[in-house]
Amino acid sequence: LLGVQPAECVMVGDSLDTDIQGGLNAGLKATVWLNKAMTTPVDT
């Protein structure tokens, strides 16, 4: 839709399961996790 390659894209989101995992699955350039609580997740 944006006319870009996955390797040019950055995913920003607050869900490790959908946003971060999804960005990694899709081979994006980088993933940025919004962790408002700044707590360390049990499962990293």
ModelCIF file with pLDDT and N, C-alpha, C, O atoms, coordinates in Angstrom:
data_MODEL
#
_entry.id   MODEL 
#
_entity.id                         1 
_entity.type                       polymer 
_entity.pdbx_number_of_molecules   1 
#
_entity_poly.entity_id                      1 
_entity_poly.type                           'polypeptide(L)' 
_entity_poly.nstd_linkage                   no 
_entity_poly.nstd_monomer                   no 
_entity_poly.pdbx_seq_one_letter_code       LLGVQPAECVMVGDSLDTDIQGGLNAGLKATVWLNKAMTTPVDT 
_entity_poly.pdbx_seq_one_letter_code_can   LLGVQPAECVMVGDSLDTDIQGGLNAGLKATVWLNKAMTTPVDT 
_entity_poly.pdbx_strand_id                 A 
#
loop_
_entity_poly_seq.entity_id 
_entity_poly_seq.num 
_entity_poly_seq.mon_id 
_entity_poly_seq.hetero 
1 1  LEU n 
1 2  LEU n 
1 3  GLY n 
1 4  VAL n 
1 5  GLN n 
1 6  PRO n 
1 7  ALA n 
1 8  GLU n 
1 9  CYS n 
1 10 VAL n 
1 11 MET n 
1 12 VAL n 
1 13 GLY n 
1 14 ASP n 
1 15 SER n 
1 16 LEU n 
1 17 ASP n 
1 18 THR n 
1 19 ASP n 
1 20 ILE n 
1 21 GLN n 
1 22 GLY n 
1 23 GLY n 
1 24 LEU n 
1 25 ASN n 
1 26 ALA n 
1 27 GLY n 
1 28 LEU n 
1 29 LYS n 
1 30 ALA n 
1 31 THR n 
1 32 VAL n 
1 33 TRP n 
1 34 LEU n 
1 35 ASN n 
1 36 LYS n 
1 37 ALA n 
1 38 MET n 
1 39 THR n 
1 40 THR n 
1 41 PRO n 
1 42 VAL n 
1 43 ASP n 
1 44 THR n 
#
_struct_asym.id          A 
_struct_asym.entity_id   1 
#
loop_
_ma_qa_metric.id 
_ma_qa_metric.mode 
_ma_qa_metric.name 
_ma_qa_metric.software_group_id 
_ma_qa_metric.type 
1 global pLDDT . pLDDT 
2 local  pLDDT . pLDDT 
#
_ma_qa_metric_global.metric_id      1 
_ma_qa_metric_global.metric_value   92.30 
_ma_qa_metric_global.model_id       1 
_ma_qa_metric_global.ordinal_id     1 
#
loop_
_ma_qa_metric_local.label_asym_id 
_ma_qa_metric_local.label_comp_id 
_ma_qa_metric_local.label_seq_id 
_ma_qa_metric_local.metric_id 
_ma_qa_metric_local.metric_value 
_ma_qa_metric_local.model_id 
_ma_qa_metric_local.ordinal_id 
A LEU 1  2 96.00 1 1  
A LEU 2  2 96.00 1 2  
A GLY 3  2 96.00 1 3  
A VAL 4  2 96.00 1 4  
A GLN 5  2 97.00 1 5  
A PRO 6  2 97.00 1 6  
A ALA 7  2 96.00 1 7  
A GLU 8  2 96.00 1 8  
A CYS 9  2 97.00 1 9  
A VAL 10 2 97.00 1 10 
A MET 11 2 98.00 1 11 
A VAL 12 2 98.00 1 12 
A GLY 13 2 96.00 1 13 
A ASP 14 2 93.00 1 14 
A SER 15 2 92.00 1 15 
A LEU 16 2 93.00 1 16 
A ASP 17 2 93.00 1 17 
A THR 18 2 95.00 1 18 
A ASP 19 2 97.00 1 19 
A ILE 20 2 96.00 1 20 
A GLN 21 2 97.00 1 21 
A GLY 22 2 97.00 1 22 
A GLY 23 2 98.00 1 23 
A LEU 24 2 97.00 1 24 
A ASN 25 2 97.00 1 25 
A ALA 26 2 98.00 1 26 
A GLY 27 2 97.00 1 27 
A LEU 28 2 97.00 1 28 
A LYS 29 2 96.00 1 29 
A ALA 30 2 97.00 1 30 
A THR 31 2 97.00 1 31 
A VAL 32 2 97.00 1 32 
A TRP 33 2 95.00 1 33 
A LEU 34 2 95.00 1 34 
A ASN 35 2 93.00 1 35 
A LYS 36 2 90.00 1 36 
A ALA 37 2 86.00 1 37 
A MET 38 2 81.00 1 38 
A THR 39 2 79.00 1 39 
A THR 40 2 76.00 1 40 
A PRO 41 2 71.00 1 41 
A VAL 42 2 71.00 1 42 
A ASP 43 2 73.00 1 43 
A THR 44 2 71.00 1 44 
#
loop_
_atom_site.group_PDB 
_atom_site.id 
_atom_site.type_symbol 
_atom_site.label_atom_id 
_atom_site.label_alt_id 
_atom_site.label_comp_id 
_atom_site.label_asym_id 
_atom_site.label_entity_id 
_atom_site.label_seq_id 
_atom_site.pdbx_PDB_ins_code 
_atom_site.Cartn_x 
_atom_site.Cartn_y 
_atom_site.Cartn_z 
_atom_site.occupancy 
_atom_site.B_iso_or_equiv 
_atom_site.pdbx_formal_charge 
_atom_site.auth_seq_id 
_atom_site.auth_comp_id 
_atom_site.auth_asym_id 
_atom_site.auth_atom_id 
_atom_site.pdbx_PDB_model_num 
ATOM 1   N N  . LEU A 1 1  ? 0.831  -1.215  0.000  1.00 96.00 ? 1  LEU A N  1 
ATOM 2   C CA . LEU A 1 1  ? 0.000  0.000   0.000  1.00 96.00 ? 1  LEU A CA 1 
ATOM 3   C C  . LEU A 1 1  ? 0.860  1.257   0.000  1.00 96.00 ? 1  LEU A C  1 
ATOM 4   O O  . LEU A 1 1  ? 0.543  2.240   -0.670 1.00 96.00 ? 1  LEU A O  1 
ATOM 5   N N  . LEU A 1 2  ? 1.953  1.214   0.761  1.00 96.00 ? 2  LEU A N  1 
ATOM 6   C CA . LEU A 1 2  ? 2.829  2.379   0.885  1.00 96.00 ? 2  LEU A CA 1 
ATOM 7   C C  . LEU A 1 2  ? 3.896  2.419   -0.209 1.00 96.00 ? 2  LEU A C  1 
ATOM 8   O O  . LEU A 1 2  ? 4.602  3.415   -0.364 1.00 96.00 ? 2  LEU A O  1 
ATOM 9   N N  . GLY A 1 3  ? 4.003  1.328   -0.965 1.00 96.00 ? 3  GLY A N  1 
ATOM 10  C CA . GLY A 1 3  ? 5.009  1.267   -2.025 1.00 96.00 ? 3  GLY A CA 1 
ATOM 11  C C  . GLY A 1 3  ? 6.421  1.165   -1.475 1.00 96.00 ? 3  GLY A C  1 
ATOM 12  O O  . GLY A 1 3  ? 7.349  1.770   -2.011 1.00 96.00 ? 3  GLY A O  1 
ATOM 13  N N  . VAL A 1 4  ? 6.583  0.395   -0.400 1.00 96.00 ? 4  VAL A N  1 
ATOM 14  C CA . VAL A 1 4  ? 7.916  0.212   0.188  1.00 96.00 ? 4  VAL A CA 1 
ATOM 15  C C  . VAL A 1 4  ? 8.212  -1.277  0.383  1.00 96.00 ? 4  VAL A C  1 
ATOM 16  O O  . VAL A 1 4  ? 7.306  -2.110  0.370  1.00 96.00 ? 4  VAL A O  1 
ATOM 17  N N  . GLN A 1 5  ? 9.480  -1.590  0.562  1.00 97.00 ? 5  GLN A N  1 
ATOM 18  C CA . GLN A 1 5  ? 9.898  -2.970  0.834  1.00 97.00 ? 5  GLN A CA 1 
ATOM 19  C C  . GLN A 1 5  ? 9.801  -3.228  2.337  1.00 97.00 ? 5  GLN A C  1 
ATOM 20  O O  . GLN A 1 5  ? 9.957  -2.291  3.121  1.00 97.00 ? 5  GLN A O  1 
ATOM 21  N N  . PRO A 1 6  ? 9.547  -4.481  2.769  1.00 97.00 ? 6  PRO A N  1 
ATOM 22  C CA . PRO A 1 6  ? 9.532  -4.789  4.204  1.00 97.00 ? 6  PRO A CA 1 
ATOM 23  C C  . PRO A 1 6  ? 10.825 -4.329  4.915  1.00 97.00 ? 6  PRO A C  1 
ATOM 24  O O  . PRO A 1 6  ? 10.786 -3.866  6.055  1.00 97.00 ? 6  PRO A O  1 
ATOM 25  N N  . ALA A 1 7  ? 11.952 -4.465  4.226  1.00 96.00 ? 7  ALA A N  1 
ATOM 26  C CA . ALA A 1 7  ? 13.245 -4.090  4.824  1.00 96.00 ? 7  ALA A CA 1 
ATOM 27  C C  . ALA A 1 7  ? 13.387 -2.586  5.033  1.00 96.00 ? 7  ALA A C  1 
ATOM 28  O O  . ALA A 1 7  ? 14.362 -2.132  5.632  1.00 96.00 ? 7  ALA A O  1 
ATOM 29  N N  . GLU A 1 8  ? 12.412 -1.803  4.537  1.00 96.00 ? 8  GLU A N  1 
ATOM 30  C CA . GLU A 1 8  ? 12.442 -0.346  4.743  1.00 96.00 ? 8  GLU A CA 1 
ATOM 31  C C  . GLU A 1 8  ? 11.453 0.074   5.833  1.00 96.00 ? 8  GLU A C  1 
ATOM 32  O O  . GLU A 1 8  ? 11.355 1.252   6.175  1.00 96.00 ? 8  GLU A O  1 
ATOM 33  N N  . CYS A 1 9  ? 10.720 -0.908  6.374  1.00 97.00 ? 9  CYS A N  1 
ATOM 34  C CA . CYS A 1 9  ? 9.612  -0.604  7.288  1.00 97.00 ? 9  CYS A CA 1 
ATOM 35  C C  . CYS A 1 9  ? 9.962  -0.833  8.751  1.00 97.00 ? 9  CYS A C  1 
ATOM 36  O O  . CYS A 1 9  ? 10.728 -1.737  9.084  1.00 97.00 ? 9  CYS A O  1 
ATOM 37  N N  . VAL A 1 10 ? 9.398  -0.014  9.609  1.00 97.00 ? 10 VAL A N  1 
ATOM 38  C CA . VAL A 1 10 ? 9.551  -0.176  11.063 1.00 97.00 ? 10 VAL A CA 1 
ATOM 39  C C  . VAL A 1 10 ? 8.161  -0.362  11.660 1.00 97.00 ? 10 VAL A C  1 
ATOM 40  O O  . VAL A 1 10 ? 7.241  0.398   11.358 1.00 97.00 ? 10 VAL A O  1 
ATOM 41  N N  . MET A 1 11 ? 8.014  -1.373  12.507 1.00 98.00 ? 11 MET A N  1 
ATOM 42  C CA . MET A 1 11 ? 6.731  -1.611  13.187 1.00 98.00 ? 11 MET A CA 1 
ATOM 43  C C  . MET A 1 11 ? 6.818  -1.109  14.613 1.00 98.00 ? 11 MET A C  1 
ATOM 44  O O  . MET A 1 11 ? 7.747  -1.459  15.341 1.00 98.00 ? 11 MET A O  1 
ATOM 45  N N  . VAL A 1 12 ? 5.859  -0.292  15.019 1.00 98.00 ? 12 VAL A N  1 
ATOM 46  C CA . VAL A 1 12 ? 5.784  0.213   16.398 1.00 98.00 ? 12 VAL A CA 1 
ATOM 47  C C  . VAL A 1 12 ? 4.488  -0.286  17.001 1.00 98.00 ? 12 VAL A C  1 
ATOM 48  O O  . VAL A 1 12 ? 3.422  -0.073  16.424 1.00 98.00 ? 12 VAL A O  1 
ATOM 49  N N  . GLY A 1 13 ? 4.553  -0.948  18.157 1.00 96.00 ? 13 GLY A N  1 
ATOM 50  C CA . GLY A 1 13 ? 3.313  -1.441  18.762 1.00 96.00 ? 13 GLY A CA 1 
ATOM 51  C C  . GLY A 1 13 ? 3.508  -1.866  20.199 1.00 96.00 ? 13 GLY A C  1 
ATOM 52  O O  . GLY A 1 13 ? 4.636  -2.024  20.666 1.00 96.00 ? 13 GLY A O  1 
ATOM 53  N N  . ASP A 1 14 ? 2.384  -2.052  20.905 1.00 93.00 ? 14 ASP A N  1 
ATOM 54  C CA . ASP A 1 14 ? 2.470  -2.367  22.342 1.00 93.00 ? 14 ASP A CA 1 
ATOM 55  C C  . ASP A 1 14 ? 2.257  -3.840  22.643 1.00 93.00 ? 14 ASP A C  1 
ATOM 56  O O  . ASP A 1 14 ? 2.301  -4.247  23.804 1.00 93.00 ? 14 ASP A O  1 
ATOM 57  N N  . SER A 1 15 ? 2.022  -4.655  21.598 1.00 92.00 ? 15 SER A N  1 
ATOM 58  C CA . SER A 1 15 ? 1.805  -6.082  21.837 1.00 92.00 ? 15 SER A CA 1 
ATOM 59  C C  . SER A 1 15 ? 2.988  -6.889  21.315 1.00 92.00 ? 15 SER A C  1 
ATOM 60  O O  . SER A 1 15 ? 3.320  -6.831  20.131 1.00 92.00 ? 15 SER A O  1 
ATOM 61  N N  . LEU A 1 16 ? 3.620  -7.644  22.215 1.00 93.00 ? 16 LEU A N  1 
ATOM 62  C CA . LEU A 1 16 ? 4.732  -8.502  21.801 1.00 93.00 ? 16 LEU A CA 1 
ATOM 63  C C  . LEU A 1 16 ? 4.231  -9.595  20.857 1.00 93.00 ? 16 LEU A C  1 
ATOM 64  O O  . LEU A 1 16 ? 4.891  -9.926  19.872 1.00 93.00 ? 16 LEU A O  1 
ATOM 65  N N  . ASP A 1 17 ? 3.056  -10.151 21.168 1.00 93.00 ? 17 ASP A N  1 
ATOM 66  C CA . ASP A 1 17 ? 2.522  -11.288 20.405 1.00 93.00 ? 17 ASP A CA 1 
ATOM 67  C C  . ASP A 1 17 ? 2.114  -10.941 18.984 1.00 93.00 ? 17 ASP A C  1 
ATOM 68  O O  . ASP A 1 17 ? 2.368  -11.710 18.056 1.00 93.00 ? 17 ASP A O  1 
ATOM 69  N N  . THR A 1 18 ? 1.478  -9.774  18.807 1.00 95.00 ? 18 THR A N  1 
ATOM 70  C CA . THR A 1 18 ? 0.977  -9.453  17.465 1.00 95.00 ? 18 THR A CA 1 
ATOM 71  C C  . THR A 1 18 ? 1.879  -8.456  16.740 1.00 95.00 ? 18 THR A C  1 
ATOM 72  O O  . THR A 1 18 ? 2.257  -8.686  15.591 1.00 95.00 ? 18 THR A O  1 
ATOM 73  N N  . ASP A 1 19 ? 2.228  -7.348  17.403 1.00 97.00 ? 19 ASP A N  1 
ATOM 74  C CA . ASP A 1 19 ? 2.992  -6.287  16.740 1.00 97.00 ? 19 ASP A CA 1 
ATOM 75  C C  . ASP A 1 19 ? 4.454  -6.675  16.523 1.00 97.00 ? 19 ASP A C  1 
ATOM 76  O O  . ASP A 1 19 ? 4.962  -6.624  15.402 1.00 97.00 ? 19 ASP A O  1 
ATOM 77  N N  . ILE A 1 20 ? 5.110  -7.058  17.594 1.00 96.00 ? 20 ILE A N  1 
ATOM 78  C CA . ILE A 1 20 ? 6.542  -7.348  17.510 1.00 96.00 ? 20 ILE A CA 1 
ATOM 79  C C  . ILE A 1 20 ? 6.780  -8.673  16.776 1.00 96.00 ? 20 ILE A C  1 
ATOM 80  O O  . ILE A 1 20 ? 7.596  -8.746  15.858 1.00 96.00 ? 20 ILE A O  1 
ATOM 81  N N  . GLN A 1 21 ? 6.056  -9.717  17.192 1.00 97.00 ? 21 GLN A N  1 
ATOM 82  C CA . GLN A 1 21 ? 6.191  -11.007 16.512 1.00 97.00 ? 21 GLN A CA 1 
ATOM 83  C C  . GLN A 1 21 ? 5.843  -10.860 15.026 1.00 97.00 ? 21 GLN A C  1 
ATOM 84  O O  . GLN A 1 21 ? 6.511  -11.426 14.161 1.00 97.00 ? 21 GLN A O  1 
ATOM 85  N N  . GLY A 1 22 ? 4.795  -10.099 14.750 1.00 97.00 ? 22 GLY A N  1 
ATOM 86  C CA . GLY A 1 22 ? 4.368  -9.888  13.368 1.00 97.00 ? 22 GLY A CA 1 
ATOM 87  C C  . GLY A 1 22 ? 5.424  -9.179  12.542 1.00 97.00 ? 22 GLY A C  1 
ATOM 88  O O  . GLY A 1 22 ? 5.699  -9.562  11.405 1.00 97.00 ? 22 GLY A O  1 
ATOM 89  N N  . GLY A 1 23 ? 6.012  -8.143  13.120 1.00 98.00 ? 23 GLY A N  1 
ATOM 90  C CA . GLY A 1 23 ? 7.069  -7.397  12.422 1.00 98.00 ? 23 GLY A CA 1 
ATOM 91  C C  . GLY A 1 23 ? 8.262  -8.284  12.128 1.00 98.00 ? 23 GLY A C  1 
ATOM 92  O O  . GLY A 1 23 ? 8.870  -8.195  11.061 1.00 98.00 ? 23 GLY A O  1 
ATOM 93  N N  . LEU A 1 24 ? 8.595  -9.147  13.089 1.00 97.00 ? 24 LEU A N  1 
ATOM 94  C CA . LEU A 1 24 ? 9.716  -10.076 12.909 1.00 97.00 ? 24 LEU A CA 1 
ATOM 95  C C  . LEU A 1 24 ? 9.362  -11.118 11.842 1.00 97.00 ? 24 LEU A C  1 
ATOM 96  O O  . LEU A 1 24 ? 10.180 -11.431 10.976 1.00 97.00 ? 24 LEU A O  1 
ATOM 97  N N  . ASN A 1 25 ? 8.139  -11.650 11.912 1.00 97.00 ? 25 ASN A N  1 
ATOM 98  C CA . ASN A 1 25 ? 7.683  -12.646 10.925 1.00 97.00 ? 25 ASN A CA 1 
ATOM 99  C C  . ASN A 1 25 ? 7.761  -12.092 9.501  1.00 97.00 ? 25 ASN A C  1 
ATOM 100 O O  . ASN A 1 25 ? 8.093  -12.810 8.558  1.00 97.00 ? 25 ASN A O  1 
ATOM 101 N N  . ALA A 1 26 ? 7.449  -10.802 9.366  1.00 98.00 ? 26 ALA A N  1 
ATOM 102 C CA . ALA A 1 26 ? 7.357  -10.188 8.032  1.00 98.00 ? 26 ALA A CA 1 
ATOM 103 C C  . ALA A 1 26 ? 8.713  -9.716  7.521  1.00 98.00 ? 26 ALA A C  1 
ATOM 104 O O  . ALA A 1 26 ? 8.821  -9.246  6.389  1.00 98.00 ? 26 ALA A O  1 
ATOM 105 N N  . GLY A 1 27 ? 9.749  -9.839  8.354  1.00 97.00 ? 27 GLY A N  1 
ATOM 106 C CA . GLY A 1 27 ? 11.090 -9.427  7.933  1.00 97.00 ? 27 GLY A CA 1 
ATOM 107 C C  . GLY A 1 27 ? 11.243 -7.924  7.791  1.00 97.00 ? 27 GLY A C  1 
ATOM 108 O O  . GLY A 1 27 ? 11.928 -7.443  6.888  1.00 97.00 ? 27 GLY A O  1 
ATOM 109 N N  . LEU A 1 28 ? 10.595 -7.177  8.698  1.00 97.00 ? 28 LEU A N  1 
ATOM 110 C CA . LEU A 1 28 ? 10.718 -5.721  8.637  1.00 97.00 ? 28 LEU A CA 1 
ATOM 111 C C  . LEU A 1 28 ? 12.095 -5.279  9.133  1.00 97.00 ? 28 LEU A C  1 
ATOM 112 O O  . LEU A 1 28 ? 12.815 -6.035  9.785  1.00 97.00 ? 28 LEU A O  1 
ATOM 113 N N  . LYS A 1 29 ? 12.439 -4.027  8.804  1.00 96.00 ? 29 LYS A N  1 
ATOM 114 C CA . LYS A 1 29 ? 13.750 -3.483  9.180  1.00 96.00 ? 29 LYS A CA 1 
ATOM 115 C C  . LYS A 1 29 ? 13.951 -3.506  10.690 1.00 96.00 ? 29 LYS A C  1 
ATOM 116 O O  . LYS A 1 29 ? 15.020 -3.882  11.171 1.00 96.00 ? 29 LYS A O  1 
ATOM 117 N N  . ALA A 1 30 ? 12.925 -3.105  11.436 1.00 97.00 ? 30 ALA A N  1 
ATOM 118 C CA . ALA A 1 30 ? 13.055 -3.073  12.901 1.00 97.00 ? 30 ALA A CA 1 
ATOM 119 C C  . ALA A 1 30 ? 11.683 -3.107  13.550 1.00 97.00 ? 30 ALA A C  1 
ATOM 120 O O  . ALA A 1 30 ? 10.676 -2.775  12.925 1.00 97.00 ? 30 ALA A O  1 
ATOM 121 N N  . THR A 1 31 ? 11.657 -3.519  14.829 1.00 97.00 ? 31 THR A N  1 
ATOM 122 C CA . THR A 1 31 ? 10.435 -3.502  15.628 1.00 97.00 ? 31 THR A CA 1 
ATOM 123 C C  . THR A 1 31 ? 10.695 -2.649  16.867 1.00 97.00 ? 31 THR A C  1 
ATOM 124 O O  . THR A 1 31 ? 11.751 -2.739  17.492 1.00 97.00 ? 31 THR A O  1 
ATOM 125 N N  . VAL A 1 32 ? 9.713  -1.823  17.208 1.00 97.00 ? 32 VAL A N  1 
ATOM 126 C CA . VAL A 1 32 ? 9.820  -0.964  18.390 1.00 97.00 ? 32 VAL A CA 1 
ATOM 127 C C  . VAL A 1 32 ? 8.642  -1.296  19.294 1.00 97.00 ? 32 VAL A C  1 
ATOM 128 O O  . VAL A 1 32 ? 7.481  -1.132  18.917 1.00 97.00 ? 32 VAL A O  1 
ATOM 129 N N  . TRP A 1 33 ? 8.964  -1.764  20.492 1.00 95.00 ? 33 TRP A N  1 
ATOM 130 C CA . TRP A 1 33 ? 7.916  -2.151  21.443 1.00 95.00 ? 33 TRP A CA 1 
ATOM 131 C C  . TRP A 1 33 ? 7.609  -0.997  22.385 1.00 95.00 ? 33 TRP A C  1 
ATOM 132 O O  . TRP A 1 33 ? 8.493  -0.488  23.073 1.00 95.00 ? 33 TRP A O  1 
ATOM 133 N N  . LEU A 1 34 ? 6.343  -0.593  22.405 1.00 95.00 ? 34 LEU A N  1 
ATOM 134 C CA . LEU A 1 34 ? 5.883  0.443   23.337 1.00 95.00 ? 34 LEU A CA 1 
ATOM 135 C C  . LEU A 1 34 ? 5.477  -0.264  24.626 1.00 95.00 ? 34 LEU A C  1 
ATOM 136 O O  . LEU A 1 34 ? 4.435  -0.916  24.694 1.00 95.00 ? 34 LEU A O  1 
ATOM 137 N N  . ASN A 1 35 ? 6.318  -0.121  25.643 1.00 93.00 ? 35 ASN A N  1 
ATOM 138 C CA . ASN A 1 35 ? 6.089  -0.784  26.935 1.00 93.00 ? 35 ASN A CA 1 
ATOM 139 C C  . ASN A 1 35 ? 5.900  0.305   27.983 1.00 93.00 ? 35 ASN A C  1 
ATOM 140 O O  . ASN A 1 35 ? 6.843  0.697   28.669 1.00 93.00 ? 35 ASN A O  1 
ATOM 141 N N  . LYS A 1 36 ? 4.646  0.792   28.095 1.00 90.00 ? 36 LYS A N  1 
ATOM 142 C CA . LYS A 1 36 ? 4.358  1.942   28.970 1.00 90.00 ? 36 LYS A CA 1 
ATOM 143 C C  . LYS A 1 36 ? 4.770  1.686   30.407 1.00 90.00 ? 36 LYS A C  1 
ATOM 144 O O  . LYS A 1 36 ? 5.279  2.577   31.087 1.00 90.00 ? 36 LYS A O  1 
ATOM 145 N N  . ALA A 1 37 ? 4.546  0.457   30.865 1.00 86.00 ? 37 ALA A N  1 
ATOM 146 C CA . ALA A 1 37 ? 4.851  0.144   32.272 1.00 86.00 ? 37 ALA A CA 1 
ATOM 147 C C  . ALA A 1 37 ? 6.356  -0.025  32.481 1.00 86.00 ? 37 ALA A C  1 
ATOM 148 O O  . ALA A 1 37 ? 6.836  0.015   33.614 1.00 86.00 ? 37 ALA A O  1 
ATOM 149 N N  . MET A 1 38 ? 7.086  -0.211  31.406 1.00 81.00 ? 38 MET A N  1 
ATOM 150 C CA . MET A 1 38 ? 8.526  -0.478  31.442 1.00 81.00 ? 38 MET A CA 1 
ATOM 151 C C  . MET A 1 38 ? 8.845  -1.649  32.375 1.00 81.00 ? 38 MET A C  1 
ATOM 152 O O  . MET A 1 38 ? 9.874  -1.665  33.051 1.00 81.00 ? 38 MET A O  1 
ATOM 153 N N  . THR A 1 39 ? 7.946  -2.617  32.393 1.00 79.00 ? 39 THR A N  1 
ATOM 154 C CA . THR A 1 39 ? 8.182  -3.825  33.192 1.00 79.00 ? 39 THR A CA 1 
ATOM 155 C C  . THR A 1 39 ? 8.880  -4.830  32.286 1.00 79.00 ? 39 THR A C  1 
ATOM 156 O O  . THR A 1 39 ? 8.646  -4.855  31.078 1.00 79.00 ? 39 THR A O  1 
ATOM 157 N N  . THR A 1 40 ? 9.725  -5.646  32.866 1.00 76.00 ? 40 THR A N  1 
ATOM 158 C CA . THR A 1 40 ? 10.391 -6.676  32.074 1.00 76.00 ? 40 THR A CA 1 
ATOM 159 C C  . THR A 1 40 ? 9.416  -7.833  31.911 1.00 76.00 ? 40 THR A C  1 
ATOM 160 O O  . THR A 1 40 ? 8.919  -8.367  32.903 1.00 76.00 ? 40 THR A O  1 
ATOM 161 N N  . PRO A 1 41 ? 9.135  -8.228  30.664 1.00 71.00 ? 41 PRO A N  1 
ATOM 162 C CA . PRO A 1 41 ? 8.190  -9.334  30.493 1.00 71.00 ? 41 PRO A CA 1 
ATOM 163 C C  . PRO A 1 41 ? 8.794  -10.639 31.020 1.00 71.00 ? 41 PRO A C  1 
ATOM 164 O O  . PRO A 1 41 ? 10.002 -10.865 30.947 1.00 71.00 ? 41 PRO A O  1 
ATOM 165 N N  . VAL A 1 42 ? 7.917  -11.481 31.550 1.00 71.00 ? 42 VAL A N  1 
ATOM 166 C CA . VAL A 1 42 ? 8.363  -12.768 32.094 1.00 71.00 ? 42 VAL A CA 1 
ATOM 167 C C  . VAL A 1 42 ? 8.991  -13.586 30.961 1.00 71.00 ? 42 VAL A C  1 
ATOM 168 O O  . VAL A 1 42 ? 10.071 -14.161 31.093 1.00 71.00 ? 42 VAL A O  1 
ATOM 169 N N  . ASP A 1 43 ? 8.270  -13.607 29.857 1.00 73.00 ? 43 ASP A N  1 
ATOM 170 C CA . ASP A 1 43 ? 8.755  -14.335 28.696 1.00 73.00 ? 43 ASP A CA 1 
ATOM 171 C C  . ASP A 1 43 ? 9.359  -13.304 27.739 1.00 73.00 ? 43 ASP A C  1 
ATOM 172 O O  . ASP A 1 43 ? 8.636  -12.470 27.194 1.00 73.00 ? 43 ASP A O  1 
ATOM 173 N N  . THR A 1 44 ? 10.657 -13.354 27.534 1.00 71.00 ? 44 THR A N  1 
ATOM 174 C CA . THR A 1 44 ? 11.292 -12.298 26.739 1.00 71.00 ? 44 THR A CA 1 
ATOM 175 C C  . THR A 1 44 ? 11.285 -12.586 25.231 1.00 71.00 ? 44 THR A C  1 
ATOM 176 O O  . THR A 1 44 ? 11.786 -11.781 24.447 1.00 71.00 ? 44 THR A O  1 
#
